[in-house]
Amino acid sequence: MTAIPHEDEAPVRGMWRQGLEVFCENRLALVGVGLFVVLAAFSFLGPLFYQTDQVHTDLTKVFLTPGTDGHPLGTDGVGYDQLGRLMLGGQTSIVVGLAAGLLATVVGTVWGAVAGFAGGWVDAVMMRVVDAFMSIPALFLFMLMASIVTPTVPMLIVIIGAFAWLGPARLVRGEALTLRTREYVMAMRGMGGTGGRAVRRHIIPNAIGTVIVNATFQVADAILYVAYLSFLGLGVPPPAANWGGMLSDGLSDTFSGHWWLLYPPGIAIILIVLAFNFIGDGLRDVFEVRLRRR
């Protein structure tokens, strides 16, 4: 027997199709998706096909120029293959960026939704906490925490996520202030619904457009923060690698003529950050069109 589609499925399917069409109309958004797929495949699938030793040093092969002795991008100051190092560094940068961006988005969304919906003194106290942390430069806070604890991948995720949630909190709080006066929220409260249910079922779901768009920018910012910390020597210690640490090492060696240690990680950082910014712009177009036609 042929299943009869639910009456609500067609509008939902139409919204998804419309959103996909709007996203595909943004050429830069498609470029961003392509860049992310290529860089992710390069970092995570590349080592399966191009295997190198990124643990043991080889001082007989230091500073080999690109194309020498089977090293397409040359080697660094301790003999690591630069192409294999770039793949390994990409894994750390992408994982930390995605995880820290997701953590910051989740914490900021919950904090902002609760503050905006509760209002009154609860909102005042919660947002003063946000304002207090935002008054301190984020990079300073990251440097302080990274200098106190041992910088590992999980610790970098926690450090960046613990302070990057402030921006999403303010955005979602603004959405919550508007949504809490809507008729469906007032009706739910009139029928005895709790504040927690209002936040879970109405505030956060209706602010999801703002949340998703901001999440892409949070990931881009987190990748930059990883690069900042690693550039300042507060990243993951060797033999682990990330693009920021490679950039820092390459900068000191560039003055000796070893240019191939600087440009590849620098270009990779620029491309991955551009990719997430392009994707974020495309998603913003999608949700703006859906809201206008709602």
Protein backbone atom coordinates (compact mmCIF):
# COMPACT_ATOMS: atom_id res chain seq x y z
CA MET A 1 0.00 0.00 0.00
CA THR A 2 1.17 3.50 -0.76
CA ALA A 3 1.64 5.60 2.35
CA ILE A 4 -0.41 8.79 2.48
CA PRO A 5 1.90 11.73 3.23
CA HIS A 6 1.11 13.73 6.32
CA GLU A 7 -0.41 17.12 5.59
CA ASP A 8 2.48 18.88 7.32
CA GLU A 9 5.19 17.08 5.35
CA ALA A 10 4.70 19.03 2.11
CA PRO A 11 5.23 22.51 3.64
CA VAL A 12 8.27 21.28 5.56
CA ARG A 13 9.72 19.66 2.44
CA GLY A 14 9.04 22.87 0.52
CA MET A 15 10.86 24.94 3.12
CA TRP A 16 13.91 22.70 2.94
CA ARG A 17 13.88 22.82 -0.87
CA GLN A 18 13.52 26.59 -0.83
CA GLY A 19 16.37 26.93 1.65
CA LEU A 20 18.62 24.70 -0.47
CA GLU A 21 17.84 26.74 -3.58
CA VAL A 22 18.66 30.00 -1.84
CA PHE A 23 21.90 28.55 -0.47
CA CYS A 24 22.93 27.28 -3.90
CA GLU A 25 22.28 30.72 -5.41
CA ASN A 26 25.08 32.06 -3.22
CA ARG A 27 28.20 31.10 -5.17
CA LEU A 28 30.53 32.01 -2.34
CA ALA A 29 28.61 29.68 -0.01
CA LEU A 30 29.17 26.81 -2.45
CA VAL A 31 32.84 27.76 -2.66
CA GLY A 32 32.96 27.65 1.15
CA VAL A 33 31.44 24.16 1.25
CA GLY A 34 33.90 23.00 -1.40
CA LEU A 35 36.87 24.48 0.46
CA PHE A 36 35.82 22.84 3.72
CA VAL A 37 35.31 19.43 2.09
CA VAL A 38 38.68 19.63 0.35
CA LEU A 39 40.56 20.72 3.48
CA ALA A 40 38.81 18.14 5.68
CA ALA A 41 39.52 15.36 3.17
CA PHE A 42 43.13 16.54 2.87
CA SER A 43 43.60 16.49 6.65
CA PHE A 44 41.78 13.29 7.58
CA LEU A 45 41.96 11.15 4.44
CA GLY A 46 45.30 12.38 3.14
CA PRO A 47 47.42 10.48 5.71
CA LEU A 48 45.83 7.23 4.50
CA PHE A 49 47.42 7.73 1.08
CA TYR A 50 50.49 9.79 1.98
CA GLN A 51 52.03 8.19 5.05
CA THR A 52 54.89 9.91 6.86
CA ASP A 53 56.59 9.64 10.23
CA GLN A 54 55.48 12.63 12.30
CA VAL A 55 56.85 11.31 15.61
CA HIS A 56 60.55 10.58 15.10
CA THR A 57 62.91 13.32 13.96
CA ASP A 58 65.47 12.86 11.19
CA LEU A 59 68.29 15.39 11.42
CA THR A 60 69.80 14.14 8.17
CA LYS A 61 66.83 15.59 6.25
CA VAL A 62 66.38 19.03 7.77
CA PHE A 63 65.26 21.96 5.59
CA LEU A 64 65.00 19.99 2.36
CA THR A 65 63.55 22.15 -0.40
CA PRO A 66 60.19 21.17 -1.96
CA GLY A 67 60.46 18.24 -4.34
CA THR A 68 63.72 16.96 -2.86
CA ASP A 69 64.09 13.29 -1.92
CA GLY A 70 60.35 12.54 -2.22
CA HIS A 71 59.12 15.47 -0.11
CA PRO A 72 56.68 17.56 -2.21
CA LEU A 73 56.67 20.46 0.28
CA GLY A 74 60.11 19.87 1.71
CA THR A 75 60.96 19.26 5.38
CA ASP A 76 61.23 21.42 8.49
CA GLY A 77 64.04 22.01 11.00
CA VAL A 78 63.83 18.54 12.57
CA GLY A 79 63.23 16.53 9.41
CA TYR A 80 59.44 16.26 9.48
CA ASP A 81 57.82 16.03 6.06
CA GLN A 82 56.01 19.34 5.60
CA LEU A 83 53.08 17.93 3.61
CA GLY A 84 52.42 15.22 6.21
CA ARG A 85 52.81 17.83 8.95
CA LEU A 86 50.23 20.01 7.21
CA MET A 87 47.75 17.11 7.24
CA LEU A 88 48.38 16.41 10.92
CA GLY A 89 48.07 20.08 11.81
CA GLY A 90 44.81 20.33 9.90
CA GLN A 91 43.28 17.57 12.02
CA THR A 92 44.01 19.46 15.24
CA SER A 93 42.87 22.83 13.90
CA ILE A 94 39.61 21.53 12.45
CA VAL A 95 38.71 19.31 15.43
CA VAL A 96 39.41 22.04 17.99
CA GLY A 97 37.63 24.64 15.88
CA LEU A 98 34.49 22.55 15.37
CA ALA A 99 34.31 21.29 18.96
CA ALA A 100 35.04 24.66 20.57
CA GLY A 101 32.59 26.42 18.24
CA LEU A 102 29.88 23.88 19.06
CA LEU A 103 30.55 24.16 22.80
CA ALA A 104 30.43 27.96 22.68
CA THR A 105 27.21 27.89 20.67
CA VAL A 106 25.45 25.46 23.02
CA VAL A 107 26.47 27.29 26.20
CA GLY A 108 25.73 30.72 24.74
CA THR A 109 22.33 29.62 23.38
CA VAL A 110 21.15 28.20 26.70
CA TRP A 111 22.50 31.16 28.70
CA GLY A 112 20.98 33.77 26.39
CA ALA A 113 17.63 31.99 26.10
CA VAL A 114 17.25 31.66 29.87
CA ALA A 115 18.29 35.27 30.50
CA GLY A 116 16.03 36.72 27.81
CA PHE A 117 12.99 34.67 28.76
CA ALA A 118 13.34 35.14 32.52
CA GLY A 119 13.84 38.91 32.35
CA GLY A 120 13.97 41.06 35.47
CA TRP A 121 16.81 40.65 37.94
CA VAL A 122 17.73 37.22 36.53
CA ASP A 123 18.38 38.75 33.11
CA ALA A 124 20.26 41.66 34.69
CA VAL A 125 22.59 39.41 36.70
CA MET A 126 23.24 36.95 33.88
CA MET A 127 23.97 39.64 31.33
CA ARG A 128 26.23 41.57 33.71
CA VAL A 129 28.33 38.41 33.90
CA VAL A 130 28.50 38.40 30.10
CA ASP A 131 29.38 42.10 29.97
CA ALA A 132 32.10 41.64 32.59
CA PHE A 133 33.83 38.90 30.60
CA MET A 134 33.38 40.75 27.30
CA SER A 135 35.13 43.79 28.76
CA ILE A 136 38.33 41.70 28.96
CA PRO A 137 40.08 40.99 25.63
CA ALA A 138 39.35 37.39 24.69
CA LEU A 139 42.89 36.68 23.55
CA PHE A 140 44.20 37.76 26.95
CA LEU A 141 41.86 35.33 28.70
CA PHE A 142 42.89 32.52 26.36
CA MET A 143 46.57 33.24 26.93
CA LEU A 144 46.06 33.33 30.70
CA MET A 145 44.27 29.98 30.82
CA ALA A 146 46.64 28.35 28.33
CA SER A 147 49.63 29.41 30.43
CA ILE A 148 48.09 27.96 33.60
CA VAL A 149 47.11 24.52 32.30
CA THR A 150 48.89 22.10 29.98
CA PRO A 151 47.61 22.80 26.44
CA THR A 152 46.17 19.57 25.06
CA VAL A 153 43.48 19.21 22.40
CA PRO A 154 40.62 18.68 24.92
CA MET A 155 41.94 21.50 27.08
CA LEU A 156 42.12 23.90 24.12
CA ILE A 157 38.51 23.04 23.30
CA VAL A 158 37.43 23.81 26.86
CA ILE A 159 39.50 27.01 27.10
CA ILE A 160 38.21 28.48 23.84
CA GLY A 161 34.64 27.30 24.34
CA ALA A 162 34.57 28.60 27.92
CA PHE A 163 34.96 32.20 26.78
CA ALA A 164 33.69 32.21 23.17
CA TRP A 165 30.06 31.70 24.24
CA LEU A 166 29.61 35.36 25.20
CA GLY A 167 28.73 36.52 21.67
CA PRO A 168 26.07 33.84 21.05
CA ALA A 169 24.58 34.54 24.50
CA ARG A 170 23.92 38.18 23.64
CA LEU A 171 22.45 37.32 20.24
CA VAL A 172 20.08 34.65 21.56
CA ARG A 173 19.09 36.83 24.50
CA GLY A 174 17.93 39.50 22.05
CA GLU A 175 15.86 36.89 20.18
CA ALA A 176 14.39 35.60 23.45
CA LEU A 177 13.27 39.06 24.52
CA THR A 178 11.18 39.26 21.35
CA LEU A 179 9.90 35.68 21.33
CA ARG A 180 8.74 35.59 24.94
CA THR A 181 5.92 38.07 24.13
CA ARG A 182 4.57 36.02 21.21
CA GLU A 183 1.03 34.68 21.48
CA TYR A 184 1.97 30.99 21.44
CA VAL A 185 4.41 31.46 24.32
CA MET A 186 1.87 33.42 26.35
CA ALA A 187 -0.77 30.77 25.65
CA MET A 188 1.56 27.99 26.78
CA ARG A 189 2.30 29.84 30.01
CA GLY A 190 -1.41 30.48 30.54
CA MET A 191 -2.06 26.75 30.34
CA GLY A 192 0.43 26.10 33.13
CA GLY A 193 3.57 25.50 31.09
CA THR A 194 6.86 26.00 32.89
CA GLY A 195 9.61 28.41 31.96
CA GLY A 196 11.92 25.52 31.14
CA ARG A 197 9.41 24.12 28.67
CA ALA A 198 9.00 27.54 27.07
CA VAL A 199 12.76 27.82 26.59
CA ARG A 200 13.13 24.26 25.23
CA ARG A 201 10.07 24.12 22.99
CA HIS A 202 9.61 27.70 21.80
CA ILE A 203 12.50 30.09 22.49
CA ILE A 204 15.47 28.03 21.31
CA PRO A 205 13.72 26.34 18.32
CA ASN A 206 12.49 29.71 17.00
CA ALA A 207 15.95 31.26 17.41
CA ILE A 208 17.61 28.35 15.59
CA GLY A 209 18.33 30.45 12.49
CA THR A 210 20.40 32.93 14.46
CA VAL A 211 22.07 30.07 16.32
CA ILE A 212 23.09 28.11 13.21
CA VAL A 213 24.46 31.14 11.37
CA ASN A 214 26.41 32.27 14.42
CA ALA A 215 27.77 28.75 14.93
CA THR A 216 29.62 28.86 11.60
CA PHE A 217 31.30 32.12 12.59
CA GLN A 218 32.12 30.67 16.01
CA VAL A 219 33.96 27.79 14.35
CA ALA A 220 35.96 30.22 12.19
CA ASP A 221 36.81 32.32 15.24
CA ALA A 222 37.82 29.20 17.22
CA ILE A 223 40.22 28.13 14.46
CA LEU A 224 41.77 31.59 14.54
CA TYR A 225 42.09 31.46 18.33
CA VAL A 226 43.90 28.12 18.04
CA ALA A 227 46.24 29.72 15.53
CA TYR A 228 46.80 32.73 17.82
CA LEU A 229 47.63 30.60 20.85
CA SER A 230 49.88 28.27 18.88
CA PHE A 231 51.62 31.21 17.23
CA LEU A 232 52.42 32.53 20.72
CA GLY A 233 53.76 29.14 21.80
CA LEU A 234 50.69 28.12 23.84
CA GLY A 235 49.39 25.41 21.50
CA VAL A 236 49.62 21.64 21.69
CA PRO A 237 53.22 20.50 22.29
CA PRO A 238 55.20 18.43 19.74
CA PRO A 239 54.98 15.93 18.17
CA ALA A 240 51.39 17.11 17.81
CA ALA A 241 50.91 19.92 15.31
CA ASN A 242 48.47 22.56 14.20
CA TRP A 243 48.57 25.19 11.52
CA GLY A 244 49.16 28.08 13.94
CA GLY A 245 52.20 26.37 15.46
CA MET A 246 53.55 25.59 12.00
CA LEU A 247 53.07 29.23 11.04
CA SER A 248 55.00 30.36 14.10
CA ASP A 249 57.87 27.96 13.39
CA GLY A 250 57.87 28.89 9.73
CA LEU A 251 58.08 32.61 10.46
CA SER A 252 61.35 32.25 12.34
CA ASP A 253 62.80 30.07 9.58
CA THR A 254 61.64 32.24 6.68
CA PHE A 255 64.41 34.75 7.32
CA SER A 256 66.85 31.92 6.61
CA GLY A 257 65.26 31.38 3.19
CA HIS A 258 63.01 28.47 4.13
CA TRP A 259 59.84 30.01 2.68
CA TRP A 260 58.03 26.66 2.26
CA LEU A 261 57.58 26.42 6.04
CA LEU A 262 55.51 29.63 6.21
CA TYR A 263 53.18 29.84 3.23
CA PRO A 264 51.38 26.44 3.27
CA PRO A 265 50.03 26.70 6.87
CA GLY A 266 49.24 30.39 6.39
CA ILE A 267 47.25 29.70 3.23
CA ALA A 268 45.47 26.78 4.92
CA ILE A 269 44.34 28.99 7.83
CA ILE A 270 43.07 31.67 5.45
CA LEU A 271 41.15 29.12 3.35
CA ILE A 272 39.45 27.34 6.27
CA VAL A 273 38.38 30.62 7.89
CA LEU A 274 37.07 31.93 4.56
CA ALA A 275 35.19 28.66 4.04
CA PHE A 276 33.22 28.95 7.28
CA ASN A 277 32.55 32.66 6.74
CA PHE A 278 31.20 31.96 3.25
CA ILE A 279 29.02 29.14 4.60
CA GLY A 280 27.73 31.43 7.34
CA ASP A 281 26.80 34.11 4.80
CA GLY A 282 24.92 31.52 2.75
CA LEU A 283 23.00 30.23 5.75
CA ARG A 284 22.11 33.78 6.75
CA ASP A 285 20.56 34.31 3.30
CA VAL A 286 18.58 31.09 3.73
CA PHE A 287 17.04 32.06 7.06
CA GLU A 288 16.39 35.66 6.02
CA VAL A 289 14.36 34.48 3.02
CA ARG A 290 12.43 31.97 5.13
CA LEU A 291 11.61 34.61 7.73
CA ARG A 292 10.45 37.11 5.11
CA ARG A 293 8.06 34.57 3.58
CA ARG A 294 6.78 33.25 6.91
